[in-house]
Amino acid sequence: MRAQGFEHWGVTDIDLHDAEEGLLQWLGAGFHGEMDYMARHGLKRARPAALVPGTVSVLMVALSYRPVQCLAGPSLGRT
């Protein structure tokens, strides 16, 4: 996946029951910001088969939004 530009990736089954309480707290704290769909979908984010019927696994990818120059050294862009 790194060749496609993703720093991290993983595959999991759809049993995310243990994540439901944390998701509700995260949404309640407003950490979803302007991602209104997160709040609209609610627990469907912890129940993938409810979001997309027939789902049996989930592929997750991570892409850093940090500018490349920040990754180059310990200054993190400071002078």
PDB file of N, CA and C in Angstrom:
ATOM      1  N   MET A   1       0.813  -1.200   0.000  1.00  0.00           N
ATOM      2  CA  MET A   1       0.000   0.000   0.000  1.00  0.00           C
ATOM      3  C   MET A   1       0.853   1.260   0.000  1.00  0.00           C
ATOM      4  N   ARG A   2       2.074   1.174   0.525  1.00  0.00           N
ATOM      5  CA  ARG A   2       2.939   2.353   0.547  1.00  0.00           C
ATOM      6  C   ARG A   2       3.175   2.863  -0.877  1.00  0.00           C
ATOM      7  N   ALA A   3       3.256   1.958  -1.829  1.00  0.00           N
ATOM      8  CA  ALA A   3       3.463   2.361  -3.225  1.00  0.00           C
ATOM      9  C   ALA A   3       2.302   3.207  -3.736  1.00  0.00           C
ATOM     10  N   GLN A   4       1.125   3.033  -3.162  1.00  0.00           N
ATOM     11  CA  GLN A   4      -0.040   3.835  -3.557  1.00  0.00           C
ATOM     12  C   GLN A   4      -0.123   5.130  -2.762  1.00  0.00           C
ATOM     13  N   GLY A   5       0.827   5.362  -1.841  1.00  0.00           N
ATOM     14  CA  GLY A   5       0.864   6.612  -1.100  1.00  0.00           C
ATOM     15  C   GLY A   5       0.318   6.545   0.316  1.00  0.00           C
ATOM     16  N   PHE A   6      -0.095   5.378   0.778  1.00  0.00           N
ATOM     17  CA  PHE A   6      -0.636   5.244   2.126  1.00  0.00           C
ATOM     18  C   PHE A   6       0.467   4.845   3.093  1.00  0.00           C
ATOM     19  N   GLU A   7       0.518   5.521   4.250  1.00  0.00           N
ATOM     20  CA  GLU A   7       1.539   5.213   5.245  1.00  0.00           C
ATOM     21  C   GLU A   7       1.225   3.929   6.011  1.00  0.00           C
ATOM     22  N   HIS A   8      -0.052   3.687   6.263  1.00  0.00           N
ATOM     23  CA  HIS A   8      -0.475   2.522   7.032  1.00  0.00           C
ATOM     24  C   HIS A   8      -1.723   1.935   6.402  1.00  0.00           C
ATOM     25  N   TRP A   9      -1.917   0.646   6.629  1.00  0.00           N
ATOM     26  CA  TRP A   9      -3.142   0.002   6.167  1.00  0.00           C
ATOM     27  C   TRP A   9      -3.419  -1.220   7.034  1.00  0.00           C
ATOM     28  N   GLY A  10      -4.655  -1.676   7.005  1.00  0.00           N
ATOM     29  CA  GLY A  10      -5.020  -2.864   7.757  1.00  0.00           C
ATOM     30  C   GLY A  10      -6.370  -3.393   7.298  1.00  0.00           C
ATOM     31  N   VAL A  11      -6.615  -4.649   7.610  1.00  0.00           N
ATOM     32  CA  VAL A  11      -7.883  -5.311   7.294  1.00  0.00           C
ATOM     33  C   VAL A  11      -8.403  -5.911   8.591  1.00  0.00           C
ATOM     34  N   THR A  12      -9.695  -5.788   8.827  1.00  0.00           N
ATOM     35  CA  THR A  12     -10.296  -6.347  10.037  1.00  0.00           C
ATOM     36  C   THR A  12     -11.670  -6.907   9.723  1.00  0.00           C
ATOM     37  N   ASP A  13     -12.171  -7.730  10.628  1.00  0.00           N
ATOM     38  CA  ASP A  13     -13.550  -8.183  10.489  1.00  0.00           C
ATOM     39  C   ASP A  13     -14.461  -7.036  10.922  1.00  0.00           C
ATOM     40  N   ILE A  14     -15.751  -7.280  10.959  1.00  0.00           N
ATOM     41  CA  ILE A  14     -16.678  -6.174  11.249  1.00  0.00           C
ATOM     42  C   ILE A  14     -17.212  -6.188  12.674  1.00  0.00           C
ATOM     43  N   ASP A  15     -16.614  -6.973  13.558  1.00  0.00           N
ATOM     44  CA  ASP A  15     -17.042  -6.990  14.954  1.00  0.00           C
ATOM     45  C   ASP A  15     -16.364  -5.836  15.691  1.00  0.00           C
ATOM     46  N   LEU A  16     -17.018  -4.691  15.690  1.00  0.00           N
ATOM     47  CA  LEU A  16     -16.478  -3.483  16.318  1.00  0.00           C
ATOM     48  C   LEU A  16     -17.297  -3.096  17.548  1.00  0.00           C
ATOM     49  N   HIS A  17     -17.985  -4.071  18.120  1.00  0.00           N
ATOM     50  CA  HIS A  17     -18.839  -3.813  19.281  1.00  0.00           C
ATOM     51  C   HIS A  17     -18.092  -3.072  20.395  1.00  0.00           C
ATOM     52  N   ASP A  18     -16.850  -3.448  20.630  1.00  0.00           N
ATOM     53  CA  ASP A  18     -16.068  -2.813  21.702  1.00  0.00           C
ATOM     54  C   ASP A  18     -15.768  -1.339  21.422  1.00  0.00           C
ATOM     55  N   ALA A  19     -15.922  -0.902  20.184  1.00  0.00           N
ATOM     56  CA  ALA A  19     -15.617   0.491  19.818  1.00  0.00           C
ATOM     57  C   ALA A  19     -16.831   1.414  19.940  1.00  0.00           C
ATOM     58  N   GLU A  20     -18.015   0.857  20.143  1.00  0.00           N
ATOM     59  CA  GLU A  20     -19.228   1.673  20.115  1.00  0.00           C
ATOM     60  C   GLU A  20     -19.250   2.766  21.178  1.00  0.00           C
ATOM     61  N   GLU A  21     -18.912   2.438  22.409  1.00  0.00           N
ATOM     62  CA  GLU A  21     -18.941   3.441  23.474  1.00  0.00           C
ATOM     63  C   GLU A  21     -17.957   4.574  23.186  1.00  0.00           C
ATOM     64  N   GLY A  22     -16.759   4.230  22.747  1.00  0.00           N
ATOM     65  CA  GLY A  22     -15.754   5.243  22.423  1.00  0.00           C
ATOM     66  C   GLY A  22     -16.194   6.122  21.265  1.00  0.00           C
ATOM     67  N   LEU A  23     -16.838   5.521  20.271  1.00  0.00           N
ATOM     68  CA  LEU A  23     -17.343   6.297  19.138  1.00  0.00           C
ATOM     69  C   LEU A  23     -18.388   7.300  19.593  1.00  0.00           C
ATOM     70  N   LEU A  24     -19.311   6.859  20.426  1.00  0.00           N
ATOM     71  CA  LEU A  24     -20.353   7.773  20.921  1.00  0.00           C
ATOM     72  C   LEU A  24     -19.750   8.913  21.733  1.00  0.00           C
ATOM     73  N   GLN A  25     -18.753   8.627  22.552  1.00  0.00           N
ATOM     74  CA  GLN A  25     -18.085   9.676  23.321  1.00  0.00           C
ATOM     75  C   GLN A  25     -17.355  10.639  22.393  1.00  0.00           C
ATOM     76  N   TRP A  26     -16.684  10.102  21.380  1.00  0.00           N
ATOM     77  CA  TRP A  26     -15.945  10.916  20.409  1.00  0.00           C
ATOM     78  C   TRP A  26     -16.890  11.849  19.667  1.00  0.00           C
ATOM     79  N   LEU A  27     -18.013  11.301  19.216  1.00  0.00           N
ATOM     80  CA  LEU A  27     -19.018  12.128  18.533  1.00  0.00           C
ATOM     81  C   LEU A  27     -19.602  13.165  19.488  1.00  0.00           C
ATOM     82  N   GLY A  28     -19.915  12.745  20.703  1.00  0.00           N
ATOM     83  CA  GLY A  28     -20.496  13.654  21.699  1.00  0.00           C
ATOM     84  C   GLY A  28     -19.580  14.815  22.036  1.00  0.00           C
ATOM     85  N   ALA A  29     -18.273  14.576  21.962  1.00  0.00           N
ATOM     86  CA  ALA A  29     -17.298  15.633  22.243  1.00  0.00           C
ATOM     87  C   ALA A  29     -17.100  16.550  21.040  1.00  0.00           C
ATOM     88  N   GLY A  30     -17.710  16.197  19.912  1.00  0.00           N
ATOM     89  CA  GLY A  30     -17.590  17.039  18.719  1.00  0.00           C
ATOM     90  C   GLY A  30     -16.299  16.868  17.956  1.00  0.00           C
ATOM     91  N   PHE A  31     -15.561  15.801  18.228  1.00  0.00           N
ATOM     92  CA  PHE A  31     -14.275  15.598  17.561  1.00  0.00           C
ATOM     93  C   PHE A  31     -14.409  15.323  16.063  1.00  0.00           C
ATOM     94  N   HIS A  32     -15.627  15.068  15.593  1.00  0.00           N
ATOM     95  CA  HIS A  32     -15.827  14.844  14.169  1.00  0.00           C
ATOM     96  C   HIS A  32     -15.803  16.153  13.372  1.00  0.00           C
ATOM     97  N   GLY A  33     -15.764  17.290  14.065  1.00  0.00           N
ATOM     98  CA  GLY A  33     -15.634  18.593  13.396  1.00  0.00           C
ATOM     99  C   GLY A  33     -16.715  18.821  12.361  1.00  0.00           C
ATOM    100  N   GLU A  34     -16.297  19.089  11.130  1.00  0.00           N
ATOM    101  CA  GLU A  34     -17.236  19.372  10.039  1.00  0.00           C
ATOM    102  C   GLU A  34     -17.654  18.111   9.291  1.00  0.00           C
ATOM    103  N   MET A  35     -17.244  16.941   9.774  1.00  0.00           N
ATOM    104  CA  MET A  35     -17.630  15.684   9.123  1.00  0.00           C
ATOM    105  C   MET A  35     -19.014  15.279   9.620  1.00  0.00           C
ATOM    106  N   ASP A  36     -20.029  16.030   9.192  1.00  0.00           N
ATOM    107  CA  ASP A  36     -21.394  15.827   9.670  1.00  0.00           C
ATOM    108  C   ASP A  36     -21.904  14.411   9.431  1.00  0.00           C
ATOM    109  N   TYR A  37     -21.420  13.756   8.369  1.00  0.00           N
ATOM    110  CA  TYR A  37     -21.860  12.401   8.074  1.00  0.00           C
ATOM    111  C   TYR A  37     -21.512  11.441   9.213  1.00  0.00           C
ATOM    112  N   MET A  38     -20.457  11.736   9.971  1.00  0.00           N
ATOM    113  CA  MET A  38     -20.096  10.874  11.090  1.00  0.00           C
ATOM    114  C   MET A  38     -21.222  10.869  12.130  1.00  0.00           C
ATOM    115  N   ALA A  39     -21.740  12.035  12.449  1.00  0.00           N
ATOM    116  CA  ALA A  39     -22.827  12.131  13.418  1.00  0.00           C
ATOM    117  C   ALA A  39     -24.123  11.566  12.831  1.00  0.00           C
ATOM    118  N   ARG A  40     -24.380  11.821  11.556  1.00  0.00           N
ATOM    119  CA  ARG A  40     -25.597  11.300  10.915  1.00  0.00           C
ATOM    120  C   ARG A  40     -25.615   9.773  10.921  1.00  0.00           C
ATOM    121  N   HIS A  41     -24.479   9.159  10.673  1.00  0.00           N
ATOM    122  CA  HIS A  41     -24.400   7.694  10.631  1.00  0.00           C
ATOM    123  C   HIS A  41     -24.379   7.087  12.022  1.00  0.00           C
ATOM    124  N   GLY A  42     -23.951   7.844  13.020  1.00  0.00           N
ATOM    125  CA  GLY A  42     -23.946   7.355  14.402  1.00  0.00           C
ATOM    126  C   GLY A  42     -23.260   6.011  14.548  1.00  0.00           C
ATOM    127  N   LEU A  43     -23.962   5.066  15.141  1.00  0.00           N
ATOM    128  CA  LEU A  43     -23.377   3.757  15.408  1.00  0.00           C
ATOM    129  C   LEU A  43     -23.130   2.921  14.152  1.00  0.00           C
ATOM    130  N   LYS A  44     -23.634   3.356  13.012  1.00  0.00           N
ATOM    131  CA  LYS A  44     -23.334   2.621  11.778  1.00  0.00           C
ATOM    132  C   LYS A  44     -21.833   2.586  11.523  1.00  0.00           C
ATOM    133  N   ARG A  45     -21.092   3.552  12.038  1.00  0.00           N
ATOM    134  CA  ARG A  45     -19.631   3.556  11.887  1.00  0.00           C
ATOM    135  C   ARG A  45     -18.986   2.437  12.690  1.00  0.00           C
ATOM    136  N   ALA A  46     -19.669   1.934  13.694  1.00  0.00           N
ATOM    137  CA  ALA A  46     -19.169   0.798  14.476  1.00  0.00           C
ATOM    138  C   ALA A  46     -19.877  -0.492  14.078  1.00  0.00           C
ATOM    139  N   ARG A  47     -20.803  -0.370  13.145  1.00  0.00           N
ATOM    140  CA  ARG A  47     -21.558  -1.531  12.641  1.00  0.00           C
ATOM    141  C   ARG A  47     -21.540  -1.475  11.117  1.00  0.00           C
ATOM    142  N   PRO A  48     -20.415  -1.791  10.506  1.00  0.00           N
ATOM    143  CA  PRO A  48     -20.258  -1.634   9.056  1.00  0.00           C
ATOM    144  C   PRO A  48     -21.340  -2.307   8.215  1.00  0.00           C
ATOM    145  N   ALA A  49     -21.846  -3.456   8.636  1.00  0.00           N
ATOM    146  CA  ALA A  49     -22.885  -4.132   7.858  1.00  0.00           C
ATOM    147  C   ALA A  49     -24.191  -3.341   7.858  1.00  0.00           C
ATOM    148  N   ALA A  50     -24.400  -2.479   8.857  1.00  0.00           N
ATOM    149  CA  ALA A  50     -25.578  -1.611   8.878  1.00  0.00           C
ATOM    150  C   ALA A  50     -25.387  -0.437   7.923  1.00  0.00           C
ATOM    151  N   LEU A  51     -24.150  -0.036   7.726  1.00  0.00           N
ATOM    152  CA  LEU A  51     -23.847   1.066   6.805  1.00  0.00           C
ATOM    153  C   LEU A  51     -23.878   0.589   5.366  1.00  0.00           C
ATOM    154  N   VAL A  52     -23.258  -0.573   5.112  1.00  0.00           N
ATOM    155  CA  VAL A  52     -23.231  -1.182   3.785  1.00  0.00           C
ATOM    156  C   VAL A  52     -23.613  -2.655   3.949  1.00  0.00           C
ATOM    157  N   PRO A  53     -24.872  -2.988   3.698  1.00  0.00           N
ATOM    158  CA  PRO A  53     -25.312  -4.373   3.875  1.00  0.00           C
ATOM    159  C   PRO A  53     -24.436  -5.357   3.091  1.00  0.00           C
ATOM    160  N   GLY A  54     -24.130  -6.484   3.736  1.00  0.00           N
ATOM    161  CA  GLY A  54     -23.305  -7.499   3.104  1.00  0.00           C
ATOM    162  C   GLY A  54     -21.823  -7.376   3.411  1.00  0.00           C
ATOM    163  N   THR A  55     -21.435  -6.328   4.146  1.00  0.00           N
ATOM    164  CA  THR A  55     -20.029  -6.131   4.490  1.00  0.00           C
ATOM    165  C   THR A  55     -19.544  -7.269   5.376  1.00  0.00           C
ATOM    166  N   VAL A  56     -18.355  -7.824   5.044  1.00  0.00           N
ATOM    167  CA  VAL A  56     -17.783  -8.904   5.858  1.00  0.00           C
ATOM    168  C   VAL A  56     -16.409  -8.540   6.413  1.00  0.00           C
ATOM    169  N   SER A  57     -15.765  -7.533   5.831  1.00  0.00           N
ATOM    170  CA  SER A  57     -14.475  -7.065   6.340  1.00  0.00           C
ATOM    171  C   SER A  57     -14.298  -5.604   5.948  1.00  0.00           C
ATOM    172  N   VAL A  58     -13.329  -4.967   6.594  1.00  0.00           N
ATOM    173  CA  VAL A  58     -13.079  -3.547   6.361  1.00  0.00           C
ATOM    174  C   VAL A  58     -11.599  -3.355   6.063  1.00  0.00           C
ATOM    175  N   LEU A  59     -11.305  -2.616   5.005  1.00  0.00           N
ATOM    176  CA  LEU A  59      -9.945  -2.221   4.657  1.00  0.00           C
ATOM    177  C   LEU A  59      -9.777  -0.773   5.090  1.00  0.00           C
ATOM    178  N   MET A  60      -8.757  -0.514   5.906  1.00  0.00           N
ATOM    179  CA  MET A  60      -8.496   0.843   6.386  1.00  0.00           C
ATOM    180  C   MET A  60      -7.148   1.298   5.856  1.00  0.00           C
ATOM    181  N   VAL A  61      -7.082   2.548   5.430  1.00  0.00           N
ATOM    182  CA  VAL A  61      -5.822   3.128   4.977  1.00  0.00           C
ATOM    183  C   VAL A  61      -5.608   4.466   5.659  1.00  0.00           C
ATOM    184  N   ALA A  62      -4.344   4.845   5.829  1.00  0.00           N
ATOM    185  CA  ALA A  62      -4.020   6.125   6.468  1.00  0.00           C
ATOM    186  C   ALA A  62      -3.081   6.902   5.556  1.00  0.00           C
ATOM    187  N   LEU A  63      -3.387   8.159   5.399  1.00  0.00           N
ATOM    188  CA  LEU A  63      -2.598   9.062   4.574  1.00  0.00           C
ATOM    189  C   LEU A  63      -2.277  10.288   5.403  1.00  0.00           C
ATOM    190  N   SER A  64      -1.003  10.617   5.518  1.00  0.00           N
ATOM    191  CA  SER A  64      -0.595  11.773   6.305  1.00  0.00           C
ATOM    192  C   SER A  64      -0.886  13.061   5.543  1.00  0.00           C
ATOM    193  N   TYR A  65      -1.482  14.017   6.233  1.00  0.00           N
ATOM    194  CA  TYR A  65      -1.724  15.333   5.650  1.00  0.00           C
ATOM    195  C   TYR A  65      -0.579  16.292   5.964  1.00  0.00           C
ATOM    196  N   ARG A  66       0.380  15.826   6.720  1.00  0.00           N
ATOM    197  CA  ARG A  66       1.504  16.663   7.124  1.00  0.00           C
ATOM    198  C   ARG A  66       2.373  16.980   5.906  1.00  0.00           C
ATOM    199  N   PRO A  67       2.750  18.245   5.712  1.00  0.00           N
ATOM    200  CA  PRO A  67       3.622  18.597   4.589  1.00  0.00           C
ATOM    201  C   PRO A  67       4.955  17.854   4.669  1.00  0.00           C
ATOM    202  N   VAL A  68       5.504  17.499   3.526  1.00  0.00           N
ATOM    203  CA  VAL A  68       6.750  16.735   3.455  1.00  0.00           C
ATOM    204  C   VAL A  68       7.874  17.437   4.208  1.00  0.00           C
ATOM    205  N   GLN A  69       7.970  18.756   4.119  1.00  0.00           N
ATOM    206  CA  GLN A  69       9.061  19.463   4.790  1.00  0.00           C
ATOM    207  C   GLN A  69       9.019  19.273   6.305  1.00  0.00           C
ATOM    208  N   CYS A  70       7.841  19.017   6.865  1.00  0.00           N
ATOM    209  CA  CYS A  70       7.734  18.779   8.305  1.00  0.00           C
ATOM    210  C   CYS A  70       8.286  17.413   8.685  1.00  0.00           C
ATOM    211  N   LEU A  71       8.301  16.489   7.746  1.00  0.00           N
ATOM    212  CA  LEU A  71       8.785  15.147   8.021  1.00  0.00           C
ATOM    213  C   LEU A  71      10.304  15.061   7.954  1.00  0.00           C
ATOM    214  N   ALA A  72      10.944  16.098   7.397  1.00  0.00           N
ATOM    215  CA  ALA A  72      12.377  16.057   7.132  1.00  0.00           C
ATOM    216  C   ALA A  72      13.239  16.198   8.381  1.00  0.00           C
ATOM    217  N   GLY A  73      12.790  16.889   9.382  1.00  0.00           N
ATOM    218  CA  GLY A  73      13.651  17.119  10.525  1.00  0.00           C
ATOM    219  C   GLY A  73      12.899  17.371  11.799  1.00  0.00           C
ATOM    220  N   PRO A  74      13.620  17.470  12.900  1.00  0.00           N
ATOM    221  CA  PRO A  74      12.997  17.636  14.210  1.00  0.00           C
ATOM    222  C   PRO A  74      12.393  19.007  14.450  1.00  0.00           C
ATOM    223  N   SER A  75      12.656  19.984  13.590  1.00  0.00           N
ATOM    224  CA  SER A  75      12.141  21.335  13.825  1.00  0.00           C
ATOM    225  C   SER A  75      10.645  21.423  13.605  1.00  0.00           C
ATOM    226  N   LEU A  76      10.073  20.430  12.899  1.00  0.00           N
ATOM    227  CA  LEU A  76       8.648  20.424  12.579  1.00  0.00           C
ATOM    228  C   LEU A  76       8.206  21.727  11.936  1.00  0.00           C
ATOM    229  N   GLY A  77       9.060  22.273  11.079  1.00  0.00           N
ATOM    230  CA  GLY A  77       8.703  23.471  10.339  1.00  0.00           C
ATOM    231  C   GLY A  77       9.030  24.759  11.026  1.00  0.00           C
ATOM    232  N   ARG A  78       9.529  24.706  12.249  1.00  0.00           N
ATOM    233  CA  ARG A  78       9.872  25.950  12.974  1.00  0.00           C
ATOM    234  C   ARG A  78      11.276  26.382  12.593  1.00  0.00           C
ATOM    235  N   THR A  79      11.494  27.690  12.675  1.00  0.00           N
ATOM    236  CA  THR A  79      12.836  28.215  12.391  1.00  0.00           C
ATOM    237  C   THR A  79      13.525  28.638  13.655  1.00  0.00           C
TER     238      THR A  79
END
